[in-house]
Amino acid sequence: MSTGQATATSNQTFEQERGEGYLWSPKREANGARSQFYENMRIARAGDMVVSFADTRIKAVGRVANAAVNSRKPIAFGARGANWADNGWLLPVSWTSLHREPRPLHHLPEIAPLLPPKYSPINSKTGFGNQKAYLAEISEALFLKVLELTEGPLTEITPACDADTVVRLTEDAEVQQLYQELELSDTERANVVAARWGQGIFRAAILALDGACVITGVSDPRLLRASHTKPMAALQNCS
């Protein structure tokens, strides 16, 4: 997807994503199979336009702010997407509401001919979202038709999530997972959570300062993790 192309989403987590300024999806289907709808998250680039389709309506439009990053599933999703893997793609998107929220099923004669023949977000016969559809590539012509039917976006905008928000979402999910580790005792769980909480923010600050590991020189953030080099007890005893 190059800048200027339009994409469309069909999702069950609209409120959470709209409020925080992103899209999130797993990387694979529950059975491990590849999904083009999830691959599109990785392919999307800054400047791509996004249409959000939820609750049978066209609900919002947005613009991709940056390429997708690895991220754990936001805990704000709750039971939604319960069968999704915990690791996935987070795509920063700035969102804006629309003057009208039309139902595609009421405009099928206009929309159906413009839908992609493969990996379509909407069923061309029913106007409802296709099963498993999440992020699908659509034509510029269809995107312009959407703008016409919605009478365009409002002026209020939810900014795309920034690096700090990504860190917080990932850290919150990691801490939540630790709480669910049944093999840990209450004391062990509390200690591990206390050690982990805030580590993501510390990591982001170090990367912003140095851009690489100060010992090895490795700069790929996927290979870097912020950790204590000495036990906390030893640090606390330092004068």
C-alpha atoms as a PDB file:
ATOM      1  CA  MET A   1       0.000   0.000   0.000  1.00  0.00           C
ATOM      2  CA  SER A   2       1.590   3.241  -1.049  1.00  0.00           C
ATOM      3  CA  THR A   3       0.744   6.725   0.155  1.00  0.00           C
ATOM      4  CA  GLY A   4      -2.584   7.901  -1.195  1.00  0.00           C
ATOM      5  CA  GLN A   5      -4.225   4.496  -1.383  1.00  0.00           C
ATOM      6  CA  ALA A   6      -7.209   3.837   0.829  1.00  0.00           C
ATOM      7  CA  THR A   7      -7.866   0.959   3.196  1.00  0.00           C
ATOM      8  CA  ALA A   8     -10.937  -0.148   5.099  1.00  0.00           C
ATOM      9  CA  THR A   9     -11.364  -1.813   8.475  1.00  0.00           C
ATOM     10  CA  SER A  10     -14.079  -4.109   9.721  1.00  0.00           C
ATOM     11  CA  ASN A  11     -13.567  -4.696  13.412  1.00  0.00           C
ATOM     12  CA  GLN A  12     -15.080  -5.391  16.816  1.00  0.00           C
ATOM     13  CA  THR A  13     -12.767  -3.087  18.775  1.00  0.00           C
ATOM     14  CA  PHE A  14     -13.748   0.235  17.221  1.00  0.00           C
ATOM     15  CA  GLU A  15     -14.322   2.197  20.438  1.00  0.00           C
ATOM     16  CA  GLN A  16     -10.970   1.262  21.974  1.00  0.00           C
ATOM     17  CA  GLU A  17      -8.974   1.909  18.796  1.00  0.00           C
ATOM     18  CA  ARG A  18     -10.825   5.114  17.926  1.00  0.00           C
ATOM     19  CA  GLY A  19     -10.274   6.488  21.421  1.00  0.00           C
ATOM     20  CA  GLU A  20      -6.526   5.710  21.561  1.00  0.00           C
ATOM     21  CA  GLY A  21      -5.583   6.461  17.957  1.00  0.00           C
ATOM     22  CA  TYR A  22      -4.531   3.123  16.484  1.00  0.00           C
ATOM     23  CA  LEU A  23      -5.506  -0.185  14.882  1.00  0.00           C
ATOM     24  CA  TRP A  24      -4.422  -3.497  16.397  1.00  0.00           C
ATOM     25  CA  SER A  25      -4.517  -7.005  14.978  1.00  0.00           C
ATOM     26  CA  PRO A  26      -2.839 -10.347  15.582  1.00  0.00           C
ATOM     27  CA  LYS A  27      -0.216 -11.440  13.072  1.00  0.00           C
ATOM     28  CA  ARG A  28      -1.834 -14.789  12.270  1.00  0.00           C
ATOM     29  CA  GLU A  29      -5.206 -16.450  12.545  1.00  0.00           C
ATOM     30  CA  ALA A  30      -5.950 -18.514  15.651  1.00  0.00           C
ATOM     31  CA  ASN A  31      -4.884 -21.705  13.865  1.00  0.00           C
ATOM     32  CA  GLY A  32      -1.579 -20.142  12.777  1.00  0.00           C
ATOM     33  CA  ALA A  33      -2.675 -19.573   9.190  1.00  0.00           C
ATOM     34  CA  ARG A  34      -1.556 -16.478   7.305  1.00  0.00           C
ATOM     35  CA  SER A  35      -4.183 -13.767   6.797  1.00  0.00           C
ATOM     36  CA  GLN A  36      -3.927 -11.087   4.150  1.00  0.00           C
ATOM     37  CA  PHE A  37      -6.113  -8.877   6.334  1.00  0.00           C
ATOM     38  CA  TYR A  38      -3.435  -8.990   9.050  1.00  0.00           C
ATOM     39  CA  GLU A  39      -0.558  -8.733   6.567  1.00  0.00           C
ATOM     40  CA  ASN A  40      -2.062  -5.442   5.398  1.00  0.00           C
ATOM     41  CA  MET A  41      -1.307  -4.005   8.843  1.00  0.00           C
ATOM     42  CA  ARG A  42       2.389  -4.552   8.192  1.00  0.00           C
ATOM     43  CA  ILE A  43       2.146  -3.241   4.613  1.00  0.00           C
ATOM     44  CA  ALA A  44       0.300   0.010   5.441  1.00  0.00           C
ATOM     45  CA  ARG A  45       2.421   3.147   5.376  1.00  0.00           C
ATOM     46  CA  ALA A  46       2.201   6.708   6.686  1.00  0.00           C
ATOM     47  CA  GLY A  47      -0.284   8.728   4.658  1.00  0.00           C
ATOM     48  CA  ASP A  48      -2.574   5.814   3.763  1.00  0.00           C
ATOM     49  CA  MET A  49      -6.223   6.667   4.369  1.00  0.00           C
ATOM     50  CA  VAL A  50      -8.409   4.395   6.489  1.00  0.00           C
ATOM     51  CA  VAL A  51     -12.156   3.865   6.643  1.00  0.00           C
ATOM     52  CA  SER A  52     -13.571   2.284   9.786  1.00  0.00           C
ATOM     53  CA  PHE A  53     -16.584   0.007   9.314  1.00  0.00           C
ATOM     54  CA  ALA A  54     -18.182  -1.140  12.570  1.00  0.00           C
ATOM     55  CA  ASP A  55     -21.683  -2.053  13.748  1.00  0.00           C
ATOM     56  CA  THR A  56     -22.817  -2.231  10.081  1.00  0.00           C
ATOM     57  CA  ARG A  57     -21.979   1.463   9.608  1.00  0.00           C
ATOM     58  CA  ILE A  58     -19.136   3.533   8.214  1.00  0.00           C
ATOM     59  CA  LYS A  59     -18.052   5.108  11.500  1.00  0.00           C
ATOM     60  CA  ALA A  60     -14.872   7.132  10.929  1.00  0.00           C
ATOM     61  CA  VAL A  61     -12.009   7.909   8.588  1.00  0.00           C
ATOM     62  CA  GLY A  62      -8.365   8.200   9.480  1.00  0.00           C
ATOM     63  CA  ARG A  63      -4.826   8.605   8.251  1.00  0.00           C
ATOM     64  CA  VAL A  64      -1.972   6.222   9.050  1.00  0.00           C
ATOM     65  CA  ALA A  65       0.688   8.123  10.986  1.00  0.00           C
ATOM     66  CA  ASN A  66       3.527   5.585  11.042  1.00  0.00           C
ATOM     67  CA  ALA A  67       4.318   2.006  10.066  1.00  0.00           C
ATOM     68  CA  ALA A  68       2.978  -0.755  12.307  1.00  0.00           C
ATOM     69  CA  VAL A  69       5.033  -1.864  15.301  1.00  0.00           C
ATOM     70  CA  ASN A  70       5.094  -5.079  17.318  1.00  0.00           C
ATOM     71  CA  SER A  71       2.739  -4.819  20.263  1.00  0.00           C
ATOM     72  CA  ARG A  72       0.904  -7.010  22.719  1.00  0.00           C
ATOM     73  CA  LYS A  73      -2.894  -7.045  22.556  1.00  0.00           C
ATOM     74  CA  PRO A  74      -4.278  -4.043  24.483  1.00  0.00           C
ATOM     75  CA  ILE A  75      -5.999  -5.107  27.700  1.00  0.00           C
ATOM     76  CA  ALA A  76      -8.730  -2.548  26.922  1.00  0.00           C
ATOM     77  CA  PHE A  77     -10.084  -5.063  24.402  1.00  0.00           C
ATOM     78  CA  GLY A  78     -11.255  -7.238  27.279  1.00  0.00           C
ATOM     79  CA  ALA A  79     -13.212 -10.229  26.006  1.00  0.00           C
ATOM     80  CA  ARG A  80     -13.238  -8.863  22.454  1.00  0.00           C
ATOM     81  CA  GLY A  81     -10.887 -10.817  20.265  1.00  0.00           C
ATOM     82  CA  ALA A  82     -10.501 -13.453  22.978  1.00  0.00           C
ATOM     83  CA  ASN A  83      -9.334 -15.991  20.398  1.00  0.00           C
ATOM     84  CA  TRP A  84      -6.621 -13.680  19.051  1.00  0.00           C
ATOM     85  CA  ALA A  85      -2.979 -14.265  19.859  1.00  0.00           C
ATOM     86  CA  ASP A  86      -1.449 -11.917  22.428  1.00  0.00           C
ATOM     87  CA  ASN A  87       1.224 -10.572  20.063  1.00  0.00           C
ATOM     88  CA  GLY A  88       0.331  -8.545  17.010  1.00  0.00           C
ATOM     89  CA  TRP A  89       0.644  -5.349  14.987  1.00  0.00           C
ATOM     90  CA  LEU A  90      -0.233  -1.887  16.269  1.00  0.00           C
ATOM     91  CA  LEU A  91      -0.781   0.697  13.525  1.00  0.00           C
ATOM     92  CA  PRO A  92      -0.914   4.366  14.660  1.00  0.00           C
ATOM     93  CA  VAL A  93      -3.889   6.132  13.040  1.00  0.00           C
ATOM     94  CA  SER A  94      -5.347   9.617  13.549  1.00  0.00           C
ATOM     95  CA  TRP A  95      -9.153   9.332  13.482  1.00  0.00           C
ATOM     96  CA  THR A  96     -11.982  11.739  12.774  1.00  0.00           C
ATOM     97  CA  SER A  97     -15.745  11.252  12.954  1.00  0.00           C
ATOM     98  CA  LEU A  98     -18.088  11.800  10.013  1.00  0.00           C
ATOM     99  CA  HIS A  99     -21.073  14.015   9.308  1.00  0.00           C
ATOM    100  CA  ARG A 100     -23.100  10.919   8.456  1.00  0.00           C
ATOM    101  CA  GLU A 101     -22.612   7.222   9.294  1.00  0.00           C
ATOM    102  CA  PRO A 102     -24.298   5.383   6.413  1.00  0.00           C
ATOM    103  CA  ARG A 103     -24.892   1.646   6.211  1.00  0.00           C
ATOM    104  CA  PRO A 104     -23.241   0.119   3.110  1.00  0.00           C
ATOM    105  CA  LEU A 105     -26.199  -2.248   2.693  1.00  0.00           C
ATOM    106  CA  HIS A 106     -28.345   0.791   1.848  1.00  0.00           C
ATOM    107  CA  HIS A 107     -25.950   1.833  -0.926  1.00  0.00           C
ATOM    108  CA  LEU A 108     -24.958  -1.476  -2.505  1.00  0.00           C
ATOM    109  CA  PRO A 109     -25.686  -0.421  -6.124  1.00  0.00           C
ATOM    110  CA  GLU A 110     -23.066   2.316  -5.726  1.00  0.00           C
ATOM    111  CA  ILE A 111     -20.574   0.470  -3.522  1.00  0.00           C
ATOM    112  CA  ALA A 112     -20.619  -3.134  -4.788  1.00  0.00           C
ATOM    113  CA  PRO A 113     -18.970  -2.453  -8.189  1.00  0.00           C
ATOM    114  CA  LEU A 114     -16.078  -0.718  -6.402  1.00  0.00           C
ATOM    115  CA  LEU A 115     -15.366  -3.446  -3.844  1.00  0.00           C
ATOM    116  CA  PRO A 116     -12.187  -5.528  -4.380  1.00  0.00           C
ATOM    117  CA  PRO A 117     -12.906  -8.956  -5.905  1.00  0.00           C
ATOM    118  CA  LYS A 118     -10.639 -10.593  -3.316  1.00  0.00           C
ATOM    119  CA  TYR A 119     -10.116  -9.815   0.366  1.00  0.00           C
ATOM    120  CA  SER A 120     -13.048  -7.431   0.450  1.00  0.00           C
ATOM    121  CA  PRO A 121     -14.045  -5.926   3.803  1.00  0.00           C
ATOM    122  CA  ILE A 122     -17.738  -6.018   2.866  1.00  0.00           C
ATOM    123  CA  ASN A 123     -19.901  -8.678   1.233  1.00  0.00           C
ATOM    124  CA  SER A 124     -20.999  -7.246  -2.115  1.00  0.00           C
ATOM    125  CA  LYS A 125     -24.374  -9.053  -1.920  1.00  0.00           C
ATOM    126  CA  THR A 126     -25.408  -8.335   1.665  1.00  0.00           C
ATOM    127  CA  GLY A 127     -23.565  -5.158   2.584  1.00  0.00           C
ATOM    128  CA  PHE A 128     -22.405  -6.710   5.854  1.00  0.00           C
ATOM    129  CA  GLY A 129     -18.780  -7.197   6.867  1.00  0.00           C
ATOM    130  CA  ASN A 130     -17.045 -10.328   5.593  1.00  0.00           C
ATOM    131  CA  GLN A 131     -16.043 -12.859   8.217  1.00  0.00           C
ATOM    132  CA  LYS A 132     -12.434 -12.447   9.417  1.00  0.00           C
ATOM    133  CA  ALA A 133     -12.046  -9.196   7.469  1.00  0.00           C
ATOM    134  CA  TYR A 134      -9.967  -6.621   9.299  1.00  0.00           C
ATOM    135  CA  LEU A 135      -7.744  -4.378   7.176  1.00  0.00           C
ATOM    136  CA  ALA A 136      -8.425  -4.600   3.455  1.00  0.00           C
ATOM    137  CA  GLU A 137      -7.055  -2.608   0.550  1.00  0.00           C
ATOM    138  CA  ILE A 138      -9.683  -0.649  -1.396  1.00  0.00           C
ATOM    139  CA  SER A 139      -9.467   1.626  -4.403  1.00  0.00           C
ATOM    140  CA  GLU A 140      -9.267   5.383  -4.358  1.00  0.00           C
ATOM    141  CA  ALA A 141     -12.604   5.409  -6.197  1.00  0.00           C
ATOM    142  CA  LEU A 142     -14.279   3.545  -3.342  1.00  0.00           C
ATOM    143  CA  PHE A 143     -12.682   5.816  -0.767  1.00  0.00           C
ATOM    144  CA  LEU A 144     -14.010   8.883  -2.585  1.00  0.00           C
ATOM    145  CA  LYS A 145     -17.455   7.261  -2.740  1.00  0.00           C
ATOM    146  CA  VAL A 146     -17.300   6.767   1.034  1.00  0.00           C
ATOM    147  CA  LEU A 147     -16.491  10.462   1.521  1.00  0.00           C
ATOM    148  CA  GLU A 148     -19.451  11.352  -0.688  1.00  0.00           C
ATOM    149  CA  LEU A 149     -21.880   9.122   1.227  1.00  0.00           C
ATOM    150  CA  THR A 150     -20.664  10.353   4.614  1.00  0.00           C
ATOM    151  CA  GLU A 151     -20.536  14.016   3.551  1.00  0.00           C
ATOM    152  CA  GLY A 152     -16.928  14.095   4.689  1.00  0.00           C
ATOM    153  CA  PRO A 153     -15.119  14.141   8.031  1.00  0.00           C
ATOM    154  CA  LEU A 154     -15.728  16.468  10.962  1.00  0.00           C
ATOM    155  CA  THR A 155     -12.988  18.799  12.132  1.00  0.00           C
ATOM    156  CA  GLU A 156     -12.381  17.044  15.482  1.00  0.00           C
ATOM    157  CA  ILE A 157      -9.540  14.560  15.315  1.00  0.00           C
ATOM    158  CA  THR A 158      -8.187  11.902  17.653  1.00  0.00           C
ATOM    159  CA  PRO A 159      -4.381  12.081  17.231  1.00  0.00           C
ATOM    160  CA  ALA A 160      -2.539   8.892  16.355  1.00  0.00           C
ATOM    161  CA  CYS A 161      -0.968   7.210  19.363  1.00  0.00           C
ATOM    162  CA  ASP A 162       2.628   8.232  19.999  1.00  0.00           C
ATOM    163  CA  ALA A 163       5.622   6.172  21.127  1.00  0.00           C
ATOM    164  CA  ASP A 164       4.781   6.627  24.813  1.00  0.00           C
ATOM    165  CA  THR A 165       1.252   5.300  24.265  1.00  0.00           C
ATOM    166  CA  VAL A 166       2.588   2.257  22.426  1.00  0.00           C
ATOM    167  CA  VAL A 167       4.950   1.578  25.333  1.00  0.00           C
ATOM    168  CA  ARG A 168       2.114   1.955  27.846  1.00  0.00           C
ATOM    169  CA  LEU A 169      -0.252  -0.326  25.930  1.00  0.00           C
ATOM    170  CA  THR A 170       2.399  -3.007  25.632  1.00  0.00           C
ATOM    171  CA  GLU A 171       3.511  -2.669  29.243  1.00  0.00           C
ATOM    172  CA  ASP A 172      -0.080  -2.810  30.540  1.00  0.00           C
ATOM    173  CA  ALA A 173      -0.654  -6.014  28.573  1.00  0.00           C
ATOM    174  CA  GLU A 174       2.555  -7.584  29.880  1.00  0.00           C
ATOM    175  CA  VAL A 175       1.659  -6.756  33.478  1.00  0.00           C
ATOM    176  CA  GLN A 176      -1.848  -8.132  32.978  1.00  0.00           C
ATOM    177  CA  GLN A 177      -0.395 -11.381  31.650  1.00  0.00           C
ATOM    178  CA  LEU A 178       1.812 -11.690  34.724  1.00  0.00           C
ATOM    179  CA  TYR A 179      -1.263 -11.465  36.925  1.00  0.00           C
ATOM    180  CA  GLN A 180      -2.722 -14.390  35.011  1.00  0.00           C
ATOM    181  CA  GLU A 181       0.304 -16.652  35.458  1.00  0.00           C
ATOM    182  CA  LEU A 182      -1.239 -19.188  37.812  1.00  0.00           C
ATOM    183  CA  GLU A 183       2.026 -20.944  38.607  1.00  0.00           C
ATOM    184  CA  LEU A 184       3.257 -17.885  40.510  1.00  0.00           C
ATOM    185  CA  SER A 185       2.398 -17.376  44.166  1.00  0.00           C
ATOM    186  CA  ASP A 186       0.803 -14.077  45.192  1.00  0.00           C
ATOM    187  CA  THR A 187       4.130 -12.861  46.583  1.00  0.00           C
ATOM    188  CA  GLU A 188       6.077 -13.900  43.478  1.00  0.00           C
ATOM    189  CA  ARG A 189       3.494 -12.305  41.199  1.00  0.00           C
ATOM    190  CA  ALA A 190       3.593  -9.029  43.134  1.00  0.00           C
ATOM    191  CA  ASN A 191       7.395  -8.942  43.052  1.00  0.00           C
ATOM    192  CA  VAL A 192       7.599  -9.622  39.318  1.00  0.00           C
ATOM    193  CA  VAL A 193       4.926  -7.050  38.496  1.00  0.00           C
ATOM    194  CA  ALA A 194       6.691  -4.444  40.650  1.00  0.00           C
ATOM    195  CA  ALA A 195       9.951  -5.127  38.823  1.00  0.00           C
ATOM    196  CA  ARG A 196       8.333  -4.923  35.385  1.00  0.00           C
ATOM    197  CA  TRP A 197       6.116  -1.878  35.911  1.00  0.00           C
ATOM    198  CA  GLY A 198       7.721   1.196  34.382  1.00  0.00           C
ATOM    199  CA  GLN A 199      10.379  -0.818  32.538  1.00  0.00           C
ATOM    200  CA  GLY A 200       8.869   0.022  29.150  1.00  0.00           C
ATOM    201  CA  ILE A 201       9.038   3.751  29.834  1.00  0.00           C
ATOM    202  CA  PHE A 202      12.645   3.376  31.018  1.00  0.00           C
ATOM    203  CA  ARG A 203      13.486   1.442  27.828  1.00  0.00           C
ATOM    204  CA  ALA A 204      11.931   4.142  25.624  1.00  0.00           C
ATOM    205  CA  ALA A 205      13.869   6.858  27.451  1.00  0.00           C
ATOM    206  CA  ILE A 206      17.188   5.017  27.052  1.00  0.00           C
ATOM    207  CA  LEU A 207      16.583   4.426  23.340  1.00  0.00           C
ATOM    208  CA  ALA A 208      15.726   8.090  22.862  1.00  0.00           C
ATOM    209  CA  LEU A 209      18.944   9.089  24.636  1.00  0.00           C
ATOM    210  CA  ASP A 210      21.448   6.657  23.140  1.00  0.00           C
ATOM    211  CA  GLY A 211      19.635   4.926  20.246  1.00  0.00           C
ATOM    212  CA  ALA A 212      21.589   1.724  20.922  1.00  0.00           C
ATOM    213  CA  CYS A 213      22.930  -0.556  23.629  1.00  0.00           C
ATOM    214  CA  VAL A 214      25.835   1.320  25.243  1.00  0.00           C
ATOM    215  CA  ILE A 215      27.736  -1.948  25.759  1.00  0.00           C
ATOM    216  CA  THR A 216      27.252  -3.893  22.506  1.00  0.00           C
ATOM    217  CA  GLY A 217      26.302  -1.097  20.135  1.00  0.00           C
ATOM    218  CA  VAL A 218      23.232  -3.051  18.900  1.00  0.00           C
ATOM    219  CA  SER A 219      20.641  -0.558  17.625  1.00  0.00           C
ATOM    220  CA  ASP A 220      17.794  -2.845  16.488  1.00  0.00           C
ATOM    221  CA  PRO A 221      15.048  -2.222  19.120  1.00  0.00           C
ATOM    222  CA  ARG A 222      13.612  -5.705  18.533  1.00  0.00           C
ATOM    223  CA  LEU A 223      16.781  -7.147  20.095  1.00  0.00           C
ATOM    224  CA  LEU A 224      16.989  -4.770  23.040  1.00  0.00           C
ATOM    225  CA  ARG A 225      15.433  -5.004  26.484  1.00  0.00           C
ATOM    226  CA  ALA A 226      15.874  -2.751  29.524  1.00  0.00           C
ATOM    227  CA  SER A 227      16.904  -4.747  32.578  1.00  0.00           C
ATOM    228  CA  HIS A 228      18.853  -4.412  35.820  1.00  0.00           C
ATOM    229  CA  THR A 229      22.528  -5.372  35.535  1.00  0.00           C
ATOM    230  CA  LYS A 230      22.645  -5.957  39.286  1.00  0.00           C
ATOM    231  CA  PRO A 231      20.113  -7.412  41.731  1.00  0.00           C
ATOM    232  CA  MET A 232      17.771  -4.784  43.204  1.00  0.00           C
ATOM    233  CA  ALA A 233      19.001  -5.681  46.686  1.00  0.00           C
ATOM    234  CA  ALA A 234      22.553  -4.731  45.709  1.00  0.00           C
ATOM    235  CA  LEU A 235      21.347  -1.449  44.212  1.00  0.00           C
ATOM    236  CA  GLN A 236      19.309  -0.578  47.282  1.00  0.00           C
ATOM    237  CA  ASN A 237      22.347  -1.190  49.510  1.00  0.00           C
ATOM    238  CA  CYS A 238      24.564   1.166  47.520  1.00  0.00           C
ATOM    239  CA  SER A 239      25.496   4.304  49.446  1.00  0.00           C
END
